Each structure stands twice: as C-alpha cells, then as structure tokens.
C-alpha cells in the first residue's frame, strides 16, 4: 500500500493542476482576439472564480498583463495545492 502522504500529494497535484489550469486558460481566452474565445468562457469563469478573481481583475485592468497573470496564477496554484494536500492528508489519516 502506498504511503498516505504520497497519495494525498498525487491527488492534490492532479486536482490543482486541472482546476487552476482551467482558470488560467479561461483568463487567457477572455480577449475577443483569442483563438479560444467563446461562450464557454463565462461558465468556466463562474466555476473557477475562487482561483481566478485576482487574475480576472488584472486582465481587465491592463491590456498586456501576461506575465502578471502567470505569476498570480502560479502563487494561487501553490496555495491551492497546499490547502488540498493538507485536507487530503487529514482525510486519509482519519480513514486509516
């Protein structure tokens, strides 16, 4: 059986990458000129607003804020990953 911390690490990493990655993709798809711009953006933005609200504000306040958005989303990813890791570790420890 795998170590509890390793399972929590892997699960939290996968979920964090998917969730924050979707938020980042949504933020970069907001401009009309984007290839990925479409109706799906607003649904995705509502779903990922907890991890995209700061980047959303930066994207609308500046015309070229790619570097700032990447830095913000990286910090959000690390925080979200840490929170998930702590919750999964606690959950898996209680199950044993």
PDB file of N, CA and C in Angstrom:
ATOM      1  N   UNK A   1       0.832  -1.185   0.000  1.00  0.00           N
ATOM      2  CA  UNK A   1       0.000   0.000   0.000  1.00  0.00           C
ATOM      3  C   UNK A   1       0.880   1.252   0.000  1.00  0.00           C
ATOM      4  N   UNK A   2       0.440   2.216  -0.765  1.00  0.00           N
ATOM      5  CA  UNK A   2       1.201   3.455  -0.865  1.00  0.00           C
ATOM      6  C   UNK A   2       1.126   4.251   0.432  1.00  0.00           C
ATOM      7  N   UNK A   3       2.092   5.076   0.601  1.00  0.00           N
ATOM      8  CA  UNK A   3       2.134   5.977   1.749  1.00  0.00           C
ATOM      9  C   UNK A   3       0.980   6.982   1.648  1.00  0.00           C
ATOM     10  N   UNK A   4       0.375   7.312   2.763  1.00  0.00           N
ATOM     11  CA  UNK A   4      -0.758   8.250   2.798  1.00  0.00           C
ATOM     12  C   UNK A   4      -0.362   9.610   2.234  1.00  0.00           C
ATOM     13  N   UNK A   5       0.822  10.065   2.589  1.00  0.00           N
ATOM     14  CA  UNK A   5       1.261  11.381   2.119  1.00  0.00           C
ATOM     15  C   UNK A   5       1.495  11.380   0.612  1.00  0.00           C
ATOM     16  N   UNK A   6       1.969  10.278   0.078  1.00  0.00           N
ATOM     17  CA  UNK A   6       2.190  10.203  -1.373  1.00  0.00           C
ATOM     18  C   UNK A   6       0.863  10.227  -2.128  1.00  0.00           C
ATOM     19  N   UNK A   7      -0.124   9.511  -1.629  1.00  0.00           N
ATOM     20  CA  UNK A   7      -1.448   9.511  -2.265  1.00  0.00           C
ATOM     21  C   UNK A   7      -2.062  10.910  -2.198  1.00  0.00           C
ATOM     22  N   UNK A   8      -1.977  11.544  -1.039  1.00  0.00           N
ATOM     23  CA  UNK A   8      -2.508  12.903  -0.883  1.00  0.00           C
ATOM     24  C   UNK A   8      -1.773  13.870  -1.801  1.00  0.00           C
ATOM     25  N   UNK A   9      -0.458  13.708  -1.910  1.00  0.00           N
ATOM     26  CA  UNK A   9       0.357  14.555  -2.782  1.00  0.00           C
ATOM     27  C   UNK A   9      -0.078  14.427  -4.238  1.00  0.00           C
ATOM     28  N   UNK A  10      -0.210  13.190  -4.706  1.00  0.00           N
ATOM     29  CA  UNK A  10      -0.575  12.963  -6.110  1.00  0.00           C
ATOM     30  C   UNK A  10      -1.990  13.458  -6.416  1.00  0.00           C
ATOM     31  N   UNK A  11      -2.939  13.131  -5.555  1.00  0.00           N
ATOM     32  CA  UNK A  11      -4.324  13.556  -5.805  1.00  0.00           C
ATOM     33  C   UNK A  11      -4.475  15.069  -5.765  1.00  0.00           C
ATOM     34  N   UNK A  12      -3.837  15.705  -4.796  1.00  0.00           N
ATOM     35  CA  UNK A  12      -3.942  17.158  -4.708  1.00  0.00           C
ATOM     36  C   UNK A  12      -3.248  17.842  -5.879  1.00  0.00           C
ATOM     37  N   UNK A  13      -2.151  17.277  -6.354  1.00  0.00           N
ATOM     38  CA  UNK A  13      -1.455  17.847  -7.507  1.00  0.00           C
ATOM     39  C   UNK A  13      -2.318  17.773  -8.767  1.00  0.00           C
ATOM     40  N   UNK A  14      -2.913  16.631  -9.015  1.00  0.00           N
ATOM     41  CA  UNK A  14      -3.742  16.457 -10.219  1.00  0.00           C
ATOM     42  C   UNK A  14      -4.936  17.406 -10.199  1.00  0.00           C
ATOM     43  N   UNK A  15      -5.619  17.487  -9.079  1.00  0.00           N
ATOM     44  CA  UNK A  15      -6.790  18.361  -8.984  1.00  0.00           C
ATOM     45  C   UNK A  15      -6.383  19.829  -9.098  1.00  0.00           C
ATOM     46  N   UNK A  16      -5.288  20.204  -8.468  1.00  0.00           N
ATOM     47  CA  UNK A  16      -4.831  21.598  -8.518  1.00  0.00           C
ATOM     48  C   UNK A  16      -4.431  22.007  -9.925  1.00  0.00           C
ATOM     49  N   UNK A  17      -3.695  21.157 -10.610  1.00  0.00           N
ATOM     50  CA  UNK A  17      -3.282  21.465 -11.982  1.00  0.00           C
ATOM     51  C   UNK A  17      -4.501  21.623 -12.880  1.00  0.00           C
ATOM     52  N   UNK A  18      -5.458  20.728 -12.755  1.00  0.00           N
ATOM     53  CA  UNK A  18      -6.652  20.795 -13.606  1.00  0.00           C
ATOM     54  C   UNK A  18      -7.489  22.040 -13.313  1.00  0.00           C
ATOM     55  N   UNK A  19      -7.729  22.318 -12.045  1.00  0.00           N
ATOM     56  CA  UNK A  19      -8.607  23.426 -11.666  1.00  0.00           C
ATOM     57  C   UNK A  19      -7.972  24.791 -11.937  1.00  0.00           C
ATOM     58  N   UNK A  20      -6.758  24.985 -11.496  1.00  0.00           N
ATOM     59  CA  UNK A  20      -6.084  26.266 -11.724  1.00  0.00           C
ATOM     60  C   UNK A  20      -5.701  26.402 -13.198  1.00  0.00           C
ATOM     61  N   UNK A  21      -5.387  25.300 -13.842  1.00  0.00           N
ATOM     62  CA  UNK A  21      -5.094  25.340 -15.280  1.00  0.00           C
ATOM     63  C   UNK A  21      -6.301  25.777 -16.087  1.00  0.00           C
ATOM     64  N   UNK A  22      -7.483  25.268 -15.733  1.00  0.00           N
ATOM     65  CA  UNK A  22      -8.713  25.700 -16.414  1.00  0.00           C
ATOM     66  C   UNK A  22      -8.961  27.184 -16.182  1.00  0.00           C
ATOM     67  N   UNK A  23      -8.725  27.647 -14.969  1.00  0.00           N
ATOM     68  CA  UNK A  23      -8.894  29.071 -14.673  1.00  0.00           C
ATOM     69  C   UNK A  23      -7.923  29.926 -15.487  1.00  0.00           C
ATOM     70  N   UNK A  24      -6.679  29.482 -15.581  1.00  0.00           N
ATOM     71  CA  UNK A  24      -5.677  30.229 -16.344  1.00  0.00           C
ATOM     72  C   UNK A  24      -6.032  30.259 -17.827  1.00  0.00           C
ATOM     73  N   UNK A  25      -6.449  29.130 -18.366  1.00  0.00           N
ATOM     74  CA  UNK A  25      -6.870  29.066 -19.764  1.00  0.00           C
ATOM     75  C   UNK A  25      -8.050  29.996 -20.016  1.00  0.00           C
ATOM     76  N   UNK A  26      -8.965  30.043 -19.072  1.00  0.00           N
ATOM     77  CA  UNK A  26     -10.126  30.927 -19.199  1.00  0.00           C
ATOM     78  C   UNK A  26      -9.711  32.394 -19.204  1.00  0.00           C
ATOM     79  N   UNK A  27      -8.813  32.761 -18.324  1.00  0.00           N
ATOM     80  CA  UNK A  27      -8.349  34.154 -18.252  1.00  0.00           C
ATOM     81  C   UNK A  27      -7.672  34.562 -19.558  1.00  0.00           C
ATOM     82  N   UNK A  28      -6.841  33.668 -20.106  1.00  0.00           N
ATOM     83  CA  UNK A  28      -6.154  33.997 -21.358  1.00  0.00           C
ATOM     84  C   UNK A  28      -7.079  33.943 -22.572  1.00  0.00           C
ATOM     85  N   UNK A  29      -8.266  33.365 -22.421  1.00  0.00           N
ATOM     86  CA  UNK A  29      -9.221  33.296 -23.524  1.00  0.00           C
ATOM     87  C   UNK A  29     -10.235  34.437 -23.495  1.00  0.00           C
ATOM     88  N   UNK A  30     -10.148  35.321 -22.526  1.00  0.00           N
ATOM     89  CA  UNK A  30     -11.112  36.422 -22.409  1.00  0.00           C
ATOM     90  C   UNK A  30     -11.097  37.416 -23.564  1.00  0.00           C
ATOM     91  N   UNK A  31      -9.937  37.831 -24.074  1.00  0.00           N
ATOM     92  CA  UNK A  31      -9.965  38.820 -25.161  1.00  0.00           C
ATOM     93  C   UNK A  31     -10.651  38.290 -26.421  1.00  0.00           C
ATOM     94  N   UNK A  32     -11.317  39.173 -27.123  1.00  0.00           N
ATOM     95  CA  UNK A  32     -12.014  38.799 -28.359  1.00  0.00           C
ATOM     96  C   UNK A  32     -11.063  38.238 -29.409  1.00  0.00           C
ATOM     97  N   UNK A  33      -9.809  38.674 -29.393  1.00  0.00           N
ATOM     98  CA  UNK A  33      -8.842  38.242 -30.394  1.00  0.00           C
ATOM     99  C   UNK A  33      -8.340  36.819 -30.166  1.00  0.00           C
ATOM    100  N   UNK A  34      -8.613  36.261 -29.003  1.00  0.00           N
ATOM    101  CA  UNK A  34      -8.110  34.938 -28.663  1.00  0.00           C
ATOM    102  C   UNK A  34      -8.767  33.864 -29.528  1.00  0.00           C
ATOM    103  N   UNK A  35      -7.988  32.865 -29.895  1.00  0.00           N
ATOM    104  CA  UNK A  35      -8.494  31.748 -30.696  1.00  0.00           C
ATOM    105  C   UNK A  35      -9.539  30.958 -29.913  1.00  0.00           C
ATOM    106  N   UNK A  36      -9.368  30.863 -28.615  1.00  0.00           N
ATOM    107  CA  UNK A  36     -10.250  30.055 -27.774  1.00  0.00           C
ATOM    108  C   UNK A  36     -11.458  30.814 -27.226  1.00  0.00           C
ATOM    109  N   UNK A  37     -11.601  32.085 -27.609  1.00  0.00           N
ATOM    110  CA  UNK A  37     -12.712  32.893 -27.101  1.00  0.00           C
ATOM    111  C   UNK A  37     -14.037  32.278 -27.551  1.00  0.00           C
ATOM    112  N   UNK A  38     -14.971  32.171 -26.620  1.00  0.00           N
ATOM    113  CA  UNK A  38     -16.285  31.623 -26.955  1.00  0.00           C
ATOM    114  C   UNK A  38     -17.223  31.720 -25.767  1.00  0.00           C
ATOM    115  N   UNK A  39     -18.398  31.123 -25.910  1.00  0.00           N
ATOM    116  CA  UNK A  39     -19.411  31.180 -24.859  1.00  0.00           C
ATOM    117  C   UNK A  39     -19.036  30.365 -23.626  1.00  0.00           C
ATOM    118  N   UNK A  40     -18.159  29.398 -23.779  1.00  0.00           N
ATOM    119  CA  UNK A  40     -17.755  28.548 -22.668  1.00  0.00           C
ATOM    120  C   UNK A  40     -17.000  29.314 -21.582  1.00  0.00           C
ATOM    121  N   UNK A  41     -16.449  30.465 -21.933  1.00  0.00           N
ATOM    122  CA  UNK A  41     -15.606  31.224 -21.011  1.00  0.00           C
ATOM    123  C   UNK A  41     -16.371  31.621 -19.753  1.00  0.00           C
ATOM    124  N   UNK A  42     -17.579  32.083 -19.902  1.00  0.00           N
ATOM    125  CA  UNK A  42     -18.324  32.592 -18.741  1.00  0.00           C
ATOM    126  C   UNK A  42     -18.724  31.465 -17.789  1.00  0.00           C
ATOM    127  N   UNK A  43     -19.058  30.314 -18.318  1.00  0.00           N
ATOM    128  CA  UNK A  43     -19.364  29.164 -17.470  1.00  0.00           C
ATOM    129  C   UNK A  43     -18.113  28.731 -16.712  1.00  0.00           C
ATOM    130  N   UNK A  44     -17.014  28.659 -17.422  1.00  0.00           N
ATOM    131  CA  UNK A  44     -15.753  28.267 -16.795  1.00  0.00           C
ATOM    132  C   UNK A  44     -15.300  29.301 -15.772  1.00  0.00           C
ATOM    133  N   UNK A  45     -15.491  30.555 -16.068  1.00  0.00           N
ATOM    134  CA  UNK A  45     -15.088  31.613 -15.138  1.00  0.00           C
ATOM    135  C   UNK A  45     -15.911  31.567 -13.854  1.00  0.00           C
ATOM    136  N   UNK A  46     -17.192  31.310 -13.969  1.00  0.00           N
ATOM    137  CA  UNK A  46     -18.029  31.181 -12.773  1.00  0.00           C
ATOM    138  C   UNK A  46     -17.600  29.962 -11.955  1.00  0.00           C
ATOM    139  N   UNK A  47     -17.273  28.858 -12.622  1.00  0.00           N
ATOM    140  CA  UNK A  47     -16.849  27.633 -11.941  1.00  0.00           C
ATOM    141  C   UNK A  47     -15.499  27.807 -11.244  1.00  0.00           C
ATOM    142  N   UNK A  48     -14.607  28.580 -11.836  1.00  0.00           N
ATOM    143  CA  UNK A  48     -13.245  28.722 -11.296  1.00  0.00           C
ATOM    144  C   UNK A  48     -12.992  30.077 -10.635  1.00  0.00           C
ATOM    145  N   UNK A  49     -14.032  30.824 -10.320  1.00  0.00           N
ATOM    146  CA  UNK A  49     -13.844  32.163  -9.758  1.00  0.00           C
ATOM    147  C   UNK A  49     -13.043  32.177  -8.456  1.00  0.00           C
ATOM    148  N   UNK A  50     -13.106  31.154  -7.609  1.00  0.00           N
ATOM    149  CA  UNK A  50     -12.289  31.219  -6.387  1.00  0.00           C
ATOM    150  C   UNK A  50     -10.782  31.315  -6.651  1.00  0.00           C
ATOM    151  N   UNK A  51     -10.312  30.767  -7.763  1.00  0.00           N
ATOM    152  CA  UNK A  51      -8.879  30.828  -8.050  1.00  0.00           C
ATOM    153  C   UNK A  51      -8.550  31.780  -9.191  1.00  0.00           C
ATOM    154  N   UNK A  52      -9.564  32.469  -9.736  1.00  0.00           N
ATOM    155  CA  UNK A  52      -9.319  33.342 -10.883  1.00  0.00           C
ATOM    156  C   UNK A  52      -9.707  34.796 -10.649  1.00  0.00           C
ATOM    157  N   UNK A  53     -10.219  35.145  -9.470  1.00  0.00           N
ATOM    158  CA  UNK A  53     -10.749  36.501  -9.317  1.00  0.00           C
ATOM    159  C   UNK A  53      -9.672  37.570  -9.377  1.00  0.00           C
ATOM    160  N   UNK A  54      -8.499  37.332  -8.839  1.00  0.00           N
ATOM    161  CA  UNK A  54      -7.428  38.333  -8.889  1.00  0.00           C
ATOM    162  C   UNK A  54      -6.913  38.480 -10.325  1.00  0.00           C
ATOM    163  N   UNK A  55      -6.679  37.358 -10.982  1.00  0.00           N
ATOM    164  CA  UNK A  55      -6.203  37.397 -12.369  1.00  0.00           C
ATOM    165  C   UNK A  55      -7.238  38.022 -13.298  1.00  0.00           C
ATOM    166  N   UNK A  56      -8.501  37.782 -13.028  1.00  0.00           N
ATOM    167  CA  UNK A  56      -9.571  38.384 -13.818  1.00  0.00           C
ATOM    168  C   UNK A  56      -9.509  39.905 -13.719  1.00  0.00           C
ATOM    169  N   UNK A  57      -9.306  40.410 -12.523  1.00  0.00           N
ATOM    170  CA  UNK A  57      -9.177  41.859 -12.339  1.00  0.00           C
ATOM    171  C   UNK A  57      -7.953  42.422 -13.036  1.00  0.00           C
ATOM    172  N   UNK A  58      -6.835  41.727 -12.948  1.00  0.00           N
ATOM    173  CA  UNK A  58      -5.606  42.176 -13.610  1.00  0.00           C
ATOM    174  C   UNK A  58      -5.786  42.153 -15.122  1.00  0.00           C
ATOM    175  N   UNK A  59      -6.430  41.114 -15.639  1.00  0.00           N
ATOM    176  CA  UNK A  59      -6.631  41.002 -17.092  1.00  0.00           C
ATOM    177  C   UNK A  59      -7.507  42.128 -17.623  1.00  0.00           C
ATOM    178  N   UNK A  60      -8.487  42.561 -16.869  1.00  0.00           N
ATOM    179  CA  UNK A  60      -9.355  43.632 -17.330  1.00  0.00           C
ATOM    180  C   UNK A  60      -8.806  45.024 -17.066  1.00  0.00           C
ATOM    181  N   UNK A  61      -7.830  45.124 -16.180  1.00  0.00           N
ATOM    182  CA  UNK A  61      -7.279  46.450 -15.903  1.00  0.00           C
ATOM    183  C   UNK A  61      -6.086  46.792 -16.787  1.00  0.00           C
ATOM    184  N   UNK A  62      -5.487  45.788 -17.413  1.00  0.00           N
ATOM    185  CA  UNK A  62      -4.300  46.015 -18.225  1.00  0.00           C
ATOM    186  C   UNK A  62      -4.461  45.328 -19.581  1.00  0.00           C
ATOM    187  N   UNK A  63      -3.891  45.945 -20.600  1.00  0.00           N
ATOM    188  CA  UNK A  63      -4.008  45.358 -21.933  1.00  0.00           C
ATOM    189  C   UNK A  63      -3.013  44.217 -22.156  1.00  0.00           C
ATOM    190  N   UNK A  64      -1.819  44.321 -21.598  1.00  0.00           N
ATOM    191  CA  UNK A  64      -0.822  43.272 -21.767  1.00  0.00           C
ATOM    192  C   UNK A  64      -0.284  42.876 -20.390  1.00  0.00           C
ATOM    193  N   UNK A  65      -0.989  41.959 -19.742  1.00  0.00           N
ATOM    194  CA  UNK A  65      -0.623  41.570 -18.383  1.00  0.00           C
ATOM    195  C   UNK A  65      -0.307  40.084 -18.296  1.00  0.00           C
ATOM    196  N   UNK A  66       0.260  39.528 -19.349  1.00  0.00           N
ATOM    197  CA  UNK A  66       0.522  38.094 -19.390  1.00  0.00           C
ATOM    198  C   UNK A  66       1.450  37.653 -18.270  1.00  0.00           C
ATOM    199  N   UNK A  67       2.532  38.352 -18.060  1.00  0.00           N
ATOM    200  CA  UNK A  67       3.493  37.966 -17.026  1.00  0.00           C
ATOM    201  C   UNK A  67       2.866  38.066 -15.633  1.00  0.00           C
ATOM    202  N   UNK A  68       2.107  39.122 -15.399  1.00  0.00           N
ATOM    203  CA  UNK A  68       1.469  39.283 -14.101  1.00  0.00           C
ATOM    204  C   UNK A  68       0.462  38.178 -13.832  1.00  0.00           C
ATOM    205  N   UNK A  69      -0.309  37.810 -14.841  1.00  0.00           N
ATOM    206  CA  UNK A  69      -1.298  36.746 -14.691  1.00  0.00           C
ATOM    207  C   UNK A  69      -0.616  35.413 -14.406  1.00  0.00           C
ATOM    208  N   UNK A  70       0.471  35.134 -15.086  1.00  0.00           N
ATOM    209  CA  UNK A  70       1.189  33.883 -14.850  1.00  0.00           C
ATOM    210  C   UNK A  70       1.747  33.830 -13.431  1.00  0.00           C
ATOM    211  N   UNK A  71       2.306  34.930 -12.962  1.00  0.00           N
ATOM    212  CA  UNK A  71       2.833  34.968 -11.590  1.00  0.00           C
ATOM    213  C   UNK A  71       1.700  34.786 -10.577  1.00  0.00           C
ATOM    214  N   UNK A  72       0.604  35.485 -10.761  1.00  0.00           N
ATOM    215  CA  UNK A  72      -0.534  35.387  -9.844  1.00  0.00           C
ATOM    216  C   UNK A  72      -1.090  33.966  -9.835  1.00  0.00           C
ATOM    217  N   UNK A  73      -1.280  33.385 -11.007  1.00  0.00           N
ATOM    218  CA  UNK A  73      -1.833  32.036 -11.079  1.00  0.00           C
ATOM    219  C   UNK A  73      -0.869  30.991 -10.509  1.00  0.00           C
ATOM    220  N   UNK A  74       0.433  31.219 -10.622  1.00  0.00           N
ATOM    221  CA  UNK A  74       1.403  30.309 -10.010  1.00  0.00           C
ATOM    222  C   UNK A  74       1.298  30.357  -8.492  1.00  0.00           C
ATOM    223  N   UNK A  75       1.179  31.547  -7.945  1.00  0.00           N
ATOM    224  CA  UNK A  75       1.024  31.688  -6.495  1.00  0.00           C
ATOM    225  C   UNK A  75      -0.287  31.060  -6.034  1.00  0.00           C
ATOM    226  N   UNK A  76      -1.360  31.304  -6.765  1.00  0.00           N
ATOM    227  CA  UNK A  76      -2.655  30.718  -6.432  1.00  0.00           C
ATOM    228  C   UNK A  76      -2.586  29.195  -6.508  1.00  0.00           C
ATOM    229  N   UNK A  77      -1.905  28.676  -7.524  1.00  0.00           N
ATOM    230  CA  UNK A  77      -1.741  27.223  -7.656  1.00  0.00           C
ATOM    231  C   UNK A  77      -1.040  26.639  -6.437  1.00  0.00           C
ATOM    232  N   UNK A  78       0.052  27.252  -6.018  1.00  0.00           N
ATOM    233  CA  UNK A  78       0.802  26.733  -4.873  1.00  0.00           C
ATOM    234  C   UNK A  78      -0.027  26.770  -3.589  1.00  0.00           C
ATOM    235  N   UNK A  79      -0.774  27.832  -3.378  1.00  0.00           N
ATOM    236  CA  UNK A  79      -1.629  27.933  -2.193  1.00  0.00           C
ATOM    237  C   UNK A  79      -2.748  26.900  -2.245  1.00  0.00           C
ATOM    238  N   UNK A  80      -3.394  26.784  -3.405  1.00  0.00           N
ATOM    239  CA  UNK A  80      -4.489  25.823  -3.571  1.00  0.00           C
ATOM    240  C   UNK A  80      -3.991  24.392  -3.386  1.00  0.00           C
ATOM    241  N   UNK A  81      -2.807  24.100  -3.921  1.00  0.00           N
ATOM    242  CA  UNK A  81      -2.215  22.774  -3.790  1.00  0.00           C
ATOM    243  C   UNK A  81      -1.918  22.462  -2.324  1.00  0.00           C
ATOM    244  N   UNK A  82      -1.364  23.412  -1.605  1.00  0.00           N
ATOM    245  CA  UNK A  82      -1.067  23.207  -0.194  1.00  0.00           C
ATOM    246  C   UNK A  82      -2.341  22.947   0.614  1.00  0.00           C
ATOM    247  N   UNK A  83      -3.382  23.710   0.347  1.00  0.00           N
ATOM    248  CA  UNK A  83      -4.650  23.523   1.060  1.00  0.00           C
ATOM    249  C   UNK A  83      -5.225  22.140   0.773  1.00  0.00           C
ATOM    250  N   UNK A  84      -5.249  21.758  -0.493  1.00  0.00           N
ATOM    251  CA  UNK A  84      -5.761  20.431  -0.839  1.00  0.00           C
ATOM    252  C   UNK A  84      -4.917  19.321  -0.234  1.00  0.00           C
ATOM    253  N   UNK A  85      -3.612  19.489  -0.265  1.00  0.00           N
ATOM    254  CA  UNK A  85      -2.730  18.472   0.299  1.00  0.00           C
ATOM    255  C   UNK A  85      -3.005  18.281   1.790  1.00  0.00           C
ATOM    256  N   UNK A  86      -3.154  19.364   2.523  1.00  0.00           N
ATOM    257  CA  UNK A  86      -3.438  19.282   3.958  1.00  0.00           C
ATOM    258  C   UNK A  86      -4.778  18.593   4.210  1.00  0.00           C
ATOM    259  N   UNK A  87      -5.788  18.948   3.430  1.00  0.00           N
ATOM    260  CA  UNK A  87      -7.117  18.347   3.616  1.00  0.00           C
ATOM    261  C   UNK A  87      -7.107  16.864   3.264  1.00  0.00           C
ATOM    262  N   UNK A  88      -6.446  16.494   2.158  1.00  0.00           N
ATOM    263  CA  UNK A  88      -6.389  15.080   1.780  1.00  0.00           C
ATOM    264  C   UNK A  88      -5.584  14.274   2.787  1.00  0.00           C
ATOM    265  N   UNK A  89      -4.484  14.817   3.273  1.00  0.00           N
ATOM    266  CA  UNK A  89      -3.677  14.106   4.274  1.00  0.00           C
ATOM    267  C   UNK A  89      -4.500  13.830   5.520  1.00  0.00           C
ATOM    268  N   UNK A  90      -5.221  14.825   5.970  1.00  0.00           N
ATOM    269  CA  UNK A  90      -6.055  14.665   7.156  1.00  0.00           C
ATOM    270  C   UNK A  90      -7.163  13.634   6.907  1.00  0.00           C
ATOM    271  N   UNK A  91      -7.775  13.716   5.749  1.00  0.00           N
ATOM    272  CA  UNK A  91      -8.857  12.790   5.407  1.00  0.00           C
ATOM    273  C   UNK A  91      -8.347  11.349   5.350  1.00  0.00           C
ATOM    274  N   UNK A  92      -7.217  11.123   4.687  1.00  0.00           N
ATOM    275  CA  UNK A  92      -6.686   9.772   4.551  1.00  0.00           C
ATOM    276  C   UNK A  92      -6.183   9.223   5.883  1.00  0.00           C
ATOM    277  N   UNK A  93      -5.668  10.098   6.729  1.00  0.00           N
ATOM    278  CA  UNK A  93      -5.215   9.665   8.062  1.00  0.00           C
ATOM    279  C   UNK A  93      -6.400   9.227   8.898  1.00  0.00           C
ATOM    280  N   UNK A  94      -7.524   9.939   8.807  1.00  0.00           N
ATOM    281  CA  UNK A  94      -8.705   9.595   9.587  1.00  0.00           C
ATOM    282  C   UNK A  94      -9.341   8.296   9.107  1.00  0.00           C
ATOM    283  N   UNK A  95      -9.192   7.987   7.808  1.00  0.00           N
ATOM    284  CA  UNK A  95      -9.767   6.762   7.269  1.00  0.00           C
ATOM    285  C   UNK A  95      -9.011   5.518   7.719  1.00  0.00           C
ATOM    286  N   UNK A  96      -7.751   5.664   8.081  1.00  0.00           N
ATOM    287  CA  UNK A  96      -6.965   4.501   8.486  1.00  0.00           C
ATOM    288  C   UNK A  96      -7.113   4.174   9.917  1.00  0.00           C
TER     289      UNK A  96
END
